[in-house]
N, C-alpha and C. Protein backbone atom coordinates (compact mmCIF):
# COMPACT_ATOMS: atom_id res chain seq x y z
N MET A 1 32.54 -0.70 -0.22
CA MET A 1 31.33 0.06 -0.32
C MET A 1 30.35 -0.41 0.73
N GLY A 2 29.68 0.53 1.33
CA GLY A 2 28.67 0.19 2.33
C GLY A 2 27.37 -0.20 1.68
N ALA A 3 26.46 -0.65 2.46
CA ALA A 3 25.12 -1.02 1.96
C ALA A 3 24.43 0.24 1.47
N PRO A 4 23.58 0.09 0.42
CA PRO A 4 22.85 1.27 -0.09
C PRO A 4 22.05 1.91 1.03
N GLY A 5 22.10 3.23 1.09
CA GLY A 5 21.35 3.96 2.08
C GLY A 5 22.02 4.01 3.45
N LYS A 6 23.06 3.21 3.66
CA LYS A 6 23.73 3.20 4.95
C LYS A 6 24.81 4.28 4.95
N ARG A 7 24.88 5.05 6.01
CA ARG A 7 25.87 6.13 6.09
C ARG A 7 27.02 5.73 6.99
N ARG A 8 28.24 6.07 6.56
CA ARG A 8 29.42 5.84 7.37
C ARG A 8 29.63 7.02 8.30
N LYS A 9 30.16 6.77 9.46
CA LYS A 9 30.44 7.83 10.42
C LYS A 9 31.74 8.52 10.03
N ASN A 10 31.75 9.84 10.10
CA ASN A 10 32.92 10.62 9.75
C ASN A 10 33.62 11.06 11.03
N LEU A 11 34.80 10.53 11.28
CA LEU A 11 35.58 10.90 12.45
C LEU A 11 36.86 11.62 12.03
N SER A 12 36.79 12.37 10.94
CA SER A 12 37.97 13.09 10.44
C SER A 12 38.09 14.45 11.10
N GLY A 13 39.27 15.04 10.99
CA GLY A 13 39.50 16.35 11.54
C GLY A 13 40.97 16.73 11.42
N ASN A 14 41.41 17.68 12.20
CA ASN A 14 42.78 18.16 12.21
C ASN A 14 43.30 18.20 13.64
N VAL A 15 44.59 18.04 13.78
CA VAL A 15 45.20 18.03 15.10
C VAL A 15 46.47 18.88 15.06
N THR A 16 46.74 19.57 16.17
CA THR A 16 47.98 20.36 16.31
C THR A 16 48.59 20.09 17.67
N PHE A 17 49.87 19.83 17.70
CA PHE A 17 50.64 19.71 18.92
C PHE A 17 51.61 20.89 18.95
N LYS A 18 51.61 21.70 20.01
CA LYS A 18 52.54 22.83 20.10
C LYS A 18 53.50 22.57 21.25
N PHE A 19 54.78 22.67 20.92
CA PHE A 19 55.85 22.47 21.89
C PHE A 19 56.59 23.79 22.07
N LYS A 20 56.82 24.22 23.30
CA LYS A 20 57.54 25.44 23.60
C LYS A 20 58.93 25.12 24.11
N SER A 21 59.89 25.89 23.67
CA SER A 21 61.27 25.81 24.16
C SER A 21 61.90 24.42 24.04
N ILE A 22 61.87 23.88 22.85
CA ILE A 22 62.57 22.62 22.59
C ILE A 22 64.06 22.95 22.64
N SER A 23 64.81 22.20 23.43
CA SER A 23 66.23 22.47 23.54
C SER A 23 66.98 21.17 23.76
N SER A 24 68.28 21.25 23.65
CA SER A 24 69.14 20.11 23.80
C SER A 24 69.32 19.77 25.27
N SER A 25 69.53 18.48 25.52
CA SER A 25 69.83 18.05 26.90
C SER A 25 71.34 17.86 27.12
N GLU A 26 72.11 18.19 26.10
CA GLU A 26 73.57 18.07 26.23
C GLU A 26 74.11 19.08 27.24
N GLU A 27 75.29 18.82 27.78
CA GLU A 27 75.81 19.66 28.84
C GLU A 27 76.57 20.91 28.36
N ASN A 28 77.31 20.82 27.26
CA ASN A 28 78.06 22.01 26.84
C ASN A 28 77.45 22.63 25.58
N ALA A 29 77.78 23.89 25.36
CA ALA A 29 77.18 24.67 24.28
C ALA A 29 77.42 24.05 22.91
N ALA A 30 78.63 23.57 22.65
CA ALA A 30 78.91 23.00 21.32
C ALA A 30 78.06 21.75 21.06
N ALA A 31 77.93 20.91 22.07
CA ALA A 31 77.11 19.69 21.92
C ALA A 31 75.63 20.04 21.82
N GLN A 32 75.18 21.07 22.53
CA GLN A 32 73.79 21.50 22.43
C GLN A 32 73.49 22.00 21.02
N LYS A 33 74.39 22.80 20.49
CA LYS A 33 74.22 23.32 19.13
C LYS A 33 74.20 22.20 18.11
N ALA A 34 75.08 21.23 18.25
CA ALA A 34 75.13 20.09 17.34
C ALA A 34 73.83 19.27 17.41
N GLU A 35 73.34 19.05 18.62
CA GLU A 35 72.09 18.28 18.76
C GLU A 35 70.91 19.03 18.13
N MET A 36 70.85 20.34 18.32
CA MET A 36 69.76 21.11 17.71
C MET A 36 69.91 21.14 16.19
N ASN A 37 71.13 21.18 15.65
CA ASN A 37 71.33 21.11 14.21
C ASN A 37 70.79 19.79 13.67
N ASP A 38 71.03 18.68 14.40
CA ASP A 38 70.48 17.39 13.99
C ASP A 38 68.96 17.42 14.03
N PHE A 39 68.40 18.04 15.06
CA PHE A 39 66.94 18.15 15.18
C PHE A 39 66.37 18.92 13.99
N TYR A 40 66.95 20.06 13.66
CA TYR A 40 66.46 20.87 12.54
C TYR A 40 66.59 20.10 11.22
N ARG A 41 67.69 19.38 11.04
CA ARG A 41 67.94 18.63 9.81
C ARG A 41 66.93 17.48 9.66
N ASP A 42 66.48 16.90 10.78
CA ASP A 42 65.61 15.71 10.73
C ASP A 42 64.12 16.04 10.69
N LEU A 43 63.76 17.32 10.57
CA LEU A 43 62.34 17.67 10.57
C LEU A 43 61.54 17.04 9.44
N ALA A 44 62.14 16.95 8.27
CA ALA A 44 61.44 16.34 7.13
C ALA A 44 61.13 14.87 7.45
N LYS A 45 62.08 14.19 8.07
CA LYS A 45 61.88 12.79 8.46
C LYS A 45 60.73 12.69 9.50
N THR A 46 60.69 13.66 10.42
CA THR A 46 59.63 13.68 11.42
C THR A 46 58.26 13.79 10.75
N ALA A 47 58.15 14.70 9.78
CA ALA A 47 56.87 14.85 9.06
C ALA A 47 56.51 13.57 8.33
N ASP A 48 57.48 12.91 7.72
CA ASP A 48 57.22 11.62 7.05
C ASP A 48 56.76 10.55 8.04
N ASN A 49 57.38 10.51 9.23
CA ASN A 49 56.95 9.56 10.24
C ASN A 49 55.52 9.81 10.68
N LEU A 50 55.18 11.08 10.84
CA LEU A 50 53.81 11.40 11.23
C LEU A 50 52.81 10.95 10.16
N LYS A 51 53.19 11.06 8.92
CA LYS A 51 52.31 10.58 7.83
C LYS A 51 52.12 9.06 7.92
N GLU A 52 53.22 8.36 8.23
CA GLU A 52 53.11 6.91 8.37
C GLU A 52 52.24 6.52 9.55
N TRP A 53 52.18 7.37 10.56
CA TRP A 53 51.38 7.11 11.75
C TRP A 53 49.93 7.52 11.59
N GLY A 54 49.55 8.02 10.42
CA GLY A 54 48.15 8.31 10.17
C GLY A 54 47.79 9.77 9.96
N LEU A 55 48.74 10.68 10.01
CA LEU A 55 48.42 12.09 9.76
C LEU A 55 48.56 12.41 8.29
N LYS A 56 47.55 13.06 7.75
CA LYS A 56 47.61 13.51 6.35
C LYS A 56 48.20 14.92 6.35
N ASN A 57 48.93 15.23 5.32
CA ASN A 57 49.49 16.57 5.15
C ASN A 57 50.24 17.04 6.40
N ALA A 58 51.00 16.13 6.99
CA ALA A 58 51.72 16.44 8.23
C ALA A 58 52.81 17.50 7.96
N THR A 59 52.85 18.48 8.84
CA THR A 59 53.87 19.53 8.74
C THR A 59 54.45 19.80 10.12
N VAL A 60 55.68 20.30 10.10
CA VAL A 60 56.34 20.75 11.31
C VAL A 60 56.73 22.21 11.08
N ASP A 61 56.19 23.12 11.85
CA ASP A 61 56.49 24.54 11.71
C ASP A 61 57.30 24.99 12.92
N LEU A 62 58.43 25.68 12.66
CA LEU A 62 59.28 26.20 13.74
C LEU A 62 59.08 27.69 13.90
N SER A 63 59.24 28.15 15.14
CA SER A 63 59.26 29.58 15.43
C SER A 63 60.25 29.81 16.56
N ASN A 64 60.60 31.09 16.77
CA ASN A 64 61.55 31.45 17.82
C ASN A 64 62.82 30.59 17.78
N GLN A 65 63.29 30.33 16.56
CA GLN A 65 64.40 29.43 16.33
C GLN A 65 65.75 30.12 16.58
N THR A 66 66.58 29.47 17.39
CA THR A 66 67.97 29.93 17.62
C THR A 66 68.85 28.68 17.46
N PRO A 67 70.17 28.81 17.51
CA PRO A 67 71.02 27.61 17.46
C PRO A 67 70.81 26.68 18.65
N PHE A 68 70.16 27.17 19.73
CA PHE A 68 70.06 26.37 20.95
C PHE A 68 68.64 25.96 21.34
N LYS A 69 67.61 26.56 20.72
CA LYS A 69 66.23 26.20 21.08
C LYS A 69 65.26 26.69 20.02
N CYS A 70 64.01 26.21 20.10
CA CYS A 70 62.96 26.66 19.21
C CYS A 70 61.61 26.25 19.81
N ASP A 71 60.57 26.76 19.21
CA ASP A 71 59.21 26.29 19.45
C ASP A 71 58.80 25.54 18.19
N ALA A 72 57.90 24.58 18.32
CA ALA A 72 57.47 23.82 17.16
C ALA A 72 55.98 23.53 17.23
N ALA A 73 55.36 23.43 16.06
CA ALA A 73 53.98 23.03 15.94
C ALA A 73 53.92 21.88 14.94
N LEU A 74 53.40 20.74 15.37
CA LEU A 74 53.18 19.60 14.50
C LEU A 74 51.71 19.60 14.13
N LYS A 75 51.41 19.60 12.84
CA LYS A 75 50.03 19.71 12.39
C LYS A 75 49.73 18.62 11.36
N GLY A 76 48.49 18.22 11.31
CA GLY A 76 48.07 17.27 10.31
C GLY A 76 46.59 17.00 10.38
N GLY A 77 46.08 16.32 9.39
CA GLY A 77 44.69 15.92 9.33
C GLY A 77 44.58 14.44 9.53
N PHE A 78 43.39 13.96 9.82
CA PHE A 78 43.17 12.54 9.99
C PHE A 78 41.81 12.18 9.42
N GLU A 79 41.70 10.96 8.90
CA GLU A 79 40.43 10.44 8.39
C GLU A 79 39.60 9.87 9.52
N ASN A 80 40.28 9.29 10.51
CA ASN A 80 39.59 8.66 11.62
C ASN A 80 40.46 8.88 12.85
N ILE A 81 39.92 9.57 13.83
CA ILE A 81 40.71 9.90 15.01
C ILE A 81 41.28 8.66 15.68
N LEU A 82 40.61 7.52 15.53
CA LEU A 82 41.12 6.28 16.15
C LEU A 82 42.47 5.90 15.58
N SER A 83 42.75 6.29 14.34
CA SER A 83 44.01 5.92 13.70
C SER A 83 45.19 6.70 14.28
N ILE A 84 44.95 7.84 14.92
CA ILE A 84 46.06 8.62 15.46
C ILE A 84 46.23 8.45 16.96
N LEU A 85 45.41 7.61 17.59
CA LEU A 85 45.57 7.40 19.04
C LEU A 85 46.96 6.97 19.45
N PRO A 86 47.68 6.15 18.65
CA PRO A 86 49.04 5.81 19.06
C PRO A 86 49.96 7.04 19.20
N LEU A 87 49.67 8.12 18.48
CA LEU A 87 50.45 9.35 18.65
C LEU A 87 50.14 10.02 19.99
N LEU A 88 48.94 9.79 20.47
CA LEU A 88 48.45 10.53 21.63
C LEU A 88 48.72 9.86 22.95
N GLY A 89 49.08 8.61 22.94
CA GLY A 89 49.32 7.95 24.22
C GLY A 89 50.08 6.66 24.03
N GLU A 90 50.48 6.09 25.13
CA GLU A 90 51.19 4.82 25.09
C GLU A 90 50.17 3.70 25.00
N THR A 91 49.91 3.25 23.78
CA THR A 91 48.85 2.29 23.55
C THR A 91 49.02 1.00 24.34
N GLU A 92 50.27 0.59 24.53
CA GLU A 92 50.47 -0.66 25.27
C GLU A 92 50.14 -0.51 26.75
N LYS A 93 50.03 0.70 27.24
CA LYS A 93 49.69 0.92 28.65
C LYS A 93 48.20 1.21 28.81
N ASN A 94 47.46 1.14 27.74
CA ASN A 94 46.01 1.36 27.79
C ASN A 94 45.64 2.67 28.48
N ASP A 95 46.34 3.75 28.13
CA ASP A 95 46.04 5.01 28.77
C ASP A 95 45.02 5.83 27.96
N PHE A 96 44.33 5.19 27.05
CA PHE A 96 43.24 5.85 26.36
C PHE A 96 42.04 4.91 26.29
N GLU A 97 40.88 5.53 26.11
CA GLU A 97 39.66 4.75 26.07
C GLU A 97 38.73 5.38 25.03
N VAL A 98 38.15 4.56 24.19
CA VAL A 98 37.18 5.01 23.21
C VAL A 98 35.91 4.18 23.41
N THR A 99 34.77 4.87 23.52
CA THR A 99 33.50 4.20 23.73
C THR A 99 32.51 4.69 22.69
N ARG A 100 31.78 3.74 22.10
CA ARG A 100 30.72 4.11 21.16
C ARG A 100 29.41 3.59 21.71
N ILE A 101 28.45 4.49 21.85
CA ILE A 101 27.09 4.13 22.22
C ILE A 101 26.17 4.75 21.19
N ASP A 102 25.50 3.89 20.42
CA ASP A 102 24.66 4.35 19.30
C ASP A 102 25.48 5.23 18.38
N ASN A 103 25.12 6.50 18.25
CA ASN A 103 25.77 7.39 17.31
C ASN A 103 26.73 8.36 18.03
N LEU A 104 27.13 8.05 19.26
CA LEU A 104 28.00 8.93 20.04
C LEU A 104 29.33 8.25 20.31
N PHE A 105 30.41 8.99 20.19
CA PHE A 105 31.75 8.50 20.52
C PHE A 105 32.31 9.32 21.68
N SER A 106 32.80 8.63 22.67
CA SER A 106 33.48 9.28 23.79
C SER A 106 34.94 8.86 23.76
N MET A 107 35.83 9.82 23.94
CA MET A 107 37.26 9.54 23.92
C MET A 107 37.92 10.18 25.13
N ARG A 108 38.85 9.45 25.74
CA ARG A 108 39.58 9.93 26.89
C ARG A 108 40.98 9.34 26.87
N TRP A 109 41.97 10.14 27.15
CA TRP A 109 43.32 9.61 27.30
C TRP A 109 44.16 10.50 28.19
N GLU A 110 45.18 9.90 28.75
CA GLU A 110 46.12 10.60 29.62
C GLU A 110 47.24 11.16 28.76
N VAL A 111 47.66 12.36 29.03
CA VAL A 111 48.71 13.00 28.25
C VAL A 111 50.06 12.56 28.81
N LYS A 112 50.57 11.48 28.26
CA LYS A 112 51.90 11.00 28.59
C LYS A 112 52.35 10.09 27.46
N GLY A 113 53.61 10.08 27.21
CA GLY A 113 54.12 9.26 26.15
C GLY A 113 53.89 9.79 24.76
N MET A 114 53.42 11.01 24.61
CA MET A 114 53.19 11.58 23.30
C MET A 114 54.51 11.91 22.63
N ILE A 115 54.69 11.42 21.41
CA ILE A 115 55.84 11.82 20.58
C ILE A 115 57.04 12.27 21.40
N ALA A 116 57.54 11.45 22.24
CA ALA A 116 58.72 11.68 23.06
C ALA A 116 58.41 12.52 24.31
N ASP A 117 57.91 13.73 24.15
CA ASP A 117 57.60 14.59 25.30
C ASP A 117 56.21 15.17 25.12
N SER A 118 55.57 15.45 26.23
CA SER A 118 54.22 16.03 26.16
C SER A 118 54.30 17.43 25.55
N PRO A 119 53.32 17.75 24.72
CA PRO A 119 53.27 19.10 24.16
C PRO A 119 52.80 20.09 25.20
N ASP A 120 53.01 21.36 24.94
CA ASP A 120 52.48 22.40 25.81
C ASP A 120 51.00 22.60 25.52
N ILE A 121 50.64 22.53 24.26
CA ILE A 121 49.26 22.74 23.82
C ILE A 121 48.87 21.65 22.86
N PHE A 122 47.67 21.14 23.02
CA PHE A 122 47.11 20.15 22.10
C PHE A 122 45.79 20.72 21.63
N SER A 123 45.58 20.83 20.32
CA SER A 123 44.30 21.29 19.82
C SER A 123 43.77 20.31 18.79
N LEU A 124 42.45 20.22 18.75
CA LEU A 124 41.76 19.27 17.90
C LEU A 124 40.61 19.98 17.22
N GLU A 125 40.57 19.93 15.89
CA GLU A 125 39.48 20.50 15.12
C GLU A 125 38.62 19.34 14.64
N TYR A 126 37.33 19.40 14.94
CA TYR A 126 36.44 18.32 14.56
C TYR A 126 35.15 18.92 14.03
N ARG A 127 34.72 18.48 12.85
CA ARG A 127 33.56 19.09 12.19
C ARG A 127 32.23 18.46 12.56
N GLY A 128 32.23 17.42 13.37
CA GLY A 128 30.97 16.86 13.84
C GLY A 128 30.46 17.67 15.03
N GLU A 129 29.43 17.19 15.68
CA GLU A 129 28.85 17.87 16.82
C GLU A 129 29.65 17.51 18.09
N ILE A 130 30.19 18.50 18.76
CA ILE A 130 30.94 18.29 20.00
C ILE A 130 29.93 18.47 21.13
N LEU A 131 29.66 17.38 21.85
CA LEU A 131 28.61 17.39 22.89
C LEU A 131 29.15 17.84 24.24
N ASP A 132 30.30 17.36 24.63
CA ASP A 132 30.94 17.83 25.87
C ASP A 132 32.43 17.54 25.81
N HIS A 133 33.20 18.20 26.70
CA HIS A 133 34.65 18.10 26.67
C HIS A 133 35.22 18.64 27.96
N ASN A 134 36.49 18.41 28.19
CA ASN A 134 37.18 19.01 29.33
C ASN A 134 38.29 19.97 28.87
N ALA A 135 38.18 20.46 27.64
CA ALA A 135 39.16 21.41 27.09
C ALA A 135 39.15 22.72 27.86
N GLN A 136 40.29 23.36 27.96
CA GLN A 136 40.36 24.66 28.61
C GLN A 136 39.71 25.75 27.77
N SER A 137 39.69 25.53 26.44
CA SER A 137 39.00 26.50 25.58
C SER A 137 38.38 25.76 24.41
N TYR A 138 37.31 26.36 23.91
CA TYR A 138 36.57 25.79 22.77
C TYR A 138 36.10 26.94 21.90
N ASP A 139 36.44 26.89 20.62
CA ASP A 139 35.98 27.87 19.66
C ASP A 139 34.88 27.22 18.82
N PRO A 140 33.60 27.53 19.11
CA PRO A 140 32.51 26.86 18.39
C PRO A 140 32.47 27.20 16.90
N GLU A 141 32.92 28.41 16.51
CA GLU A 141 32.98 28.78 15.10
C GLU A 141 33.90 27.86 14.32
N ALA A 142 35.11 27.68 14.86
CA ALA A 142 36.12 26.84 14.20
C ALA A 142 35.99 25.37 14.62
N GLN A 143 35.10 25.08 15.56
CA GLN A 143 34.94 23.74 16.12
C GLN A 143 36.29 23.16 16.57
N THR A 144 37.02 23.97 17.32
CA THR A 144 38.35 23.59 17.78
C THR A 144 38.40 23.56 19.30
N LEU A 145 38.84 22.41 19.80
CA LEU A 145 39.08 22.23 21.23
C LEU A 145 40.56 22.46 21.49
N ARG A 146 40.89 23.04 22.67
CA ARG A 146 42.28 23.30 22.98
C ARG A 146 42.56 23.02 24.44
N TRP A 147 43.59 22.20 24.65
CA TRP A 147 44.03 21.84 25.99
C TRP A 147 45.45 22.37 26.19
N THR A 148 45.70 23.04 27.32
CA THR A 148 47.06 23.38 27.71
C THR A 148 47.47 22.29 28.68
N VAL A 149 48.42 21.44 28.28
CA VAL A 149 48.71 20.25 29.05
C VAL A 149 50.06 20.22 29.73
N LYS A 150 50.98 21.03 29.32
CA LYS A 150 52.35 20.93 29.85
C LYS A 150 52.41 21.17 31.36
N ASP A 151 51.79 22.24 31.82
CA ASP A 151 51.87 22.57 33.24
C ASP A 151 50.55 22.35 33.96
N SER A 152 49.67 21.58 33.36
CA SER A 152 48.35 21.36 33.91
C SER A 152 48.36 20.22 34.93
N ASP A 153 47.61 20.40 36.01
CA ASP A 153 47.43 19.32 36.95
C ASP A 153 46.56 18.20 36.36
N ASN A 154 45.60 18.61 35.54
CA ASN A 154 44.71 17.63 34.90
C ASN A 154 45.32 17.29 33.54
N ARG A 155 46.01 16.17 33.47
CA ARG A 155 46.67 15.78 32.22
C ARG A 155 45.82 14.76 31.47
N SER A 156 44.50 14.92 31.60
CA SER A 156 43.57 14.05 30.92
C SER A 156 42.84 14.87 29.86
N ILE A 157 42.66 14.27 28.68
CA ILE A 157 41.92 14.90 27.59
C ILE A 157 40.70 14.04 27.34
N SER A 158 39.52 14.66 27.31
CA SER A 158 38.33 13.89 27.01
C SER A 158 37.32 14.73 26.26
N PHE A 159 36.52 14.07 25.43
CA PHE A 159 35.45 14.74 24.71
C PHE A 159 34.47 13.68 24.21
N ARG A 160 33.26 14.14 23.92
CA ARG A 160 32.21 13.28 23.38
C ARG A 160 31.66 13.97 22.14
N VAL A 161 31.54 13.20 21.05
CA VAL A 161 31.10 13.79 19.78
C VAL A 161 30.02 12.93 19.12
N ARG A 162 29.25 13.60 18.29
CA ARG A 162 28.30 12.92 17.41
C ARG A 162 28.86 13.12 15.99
N PRO A 163 29.37 12.07 15.36
CA PRO A 163 29.98 12.23 14.03
C PRO A 163 28.97 12.69 13.00
N ARG A 164 29.45 13.43 12.03
CA ARG A 164 28.61 13.77 10.90
C ARG A 164 28.60 12.58 9.97
N ALA A 165 27.55 12.38 9.25
CA ALA A 165 27.44 11.22 8.38
C ALA A 165 28.00 11.52 6.99
N ASN A 166 28.65 10.53 6.40
CA ASN A 166 29.07 10.58 5.01
C ASN A 166 28.07 9.80 4.20
N ASN A 167 27.78 10.26 3.02
CA ASN A 167 26.87 9.49 2.16
C ASN A 167 27.63 8.44 1.43
């Protein structure tokens, strides 16, 4: 419990990683199909791993599914964005930075090392005040930032927020 009258900063929100055309790297069709069958079978385990890494209500949704490829969306919520940074970058390579000055948090990281391969799209929903960002699109109604990172020259994600206070 915090001190009476003291408010905790709320850094919670939701995150989505979208991957297009996930396919096997095997050379022949039978091996490709077998590898994709393993991938489809292991999706529940993937969602459980995401929960262990800090995502609440983690889900994996598939679309455009065939025996040889699919698109996928990994979704989940977080209590504190700092807890999911290991999902977003190679923490041992220090490719992310978080700065707090007074009541403002700035976050920046390079899109590499994410969950095996970089996603095509990364979106972040945050209910605090978003002061600035380098997202390609921003929906102020939904308070959702969206970066297209797969084919982007700028593989850096950054934003600055003022957290909402919890009582």
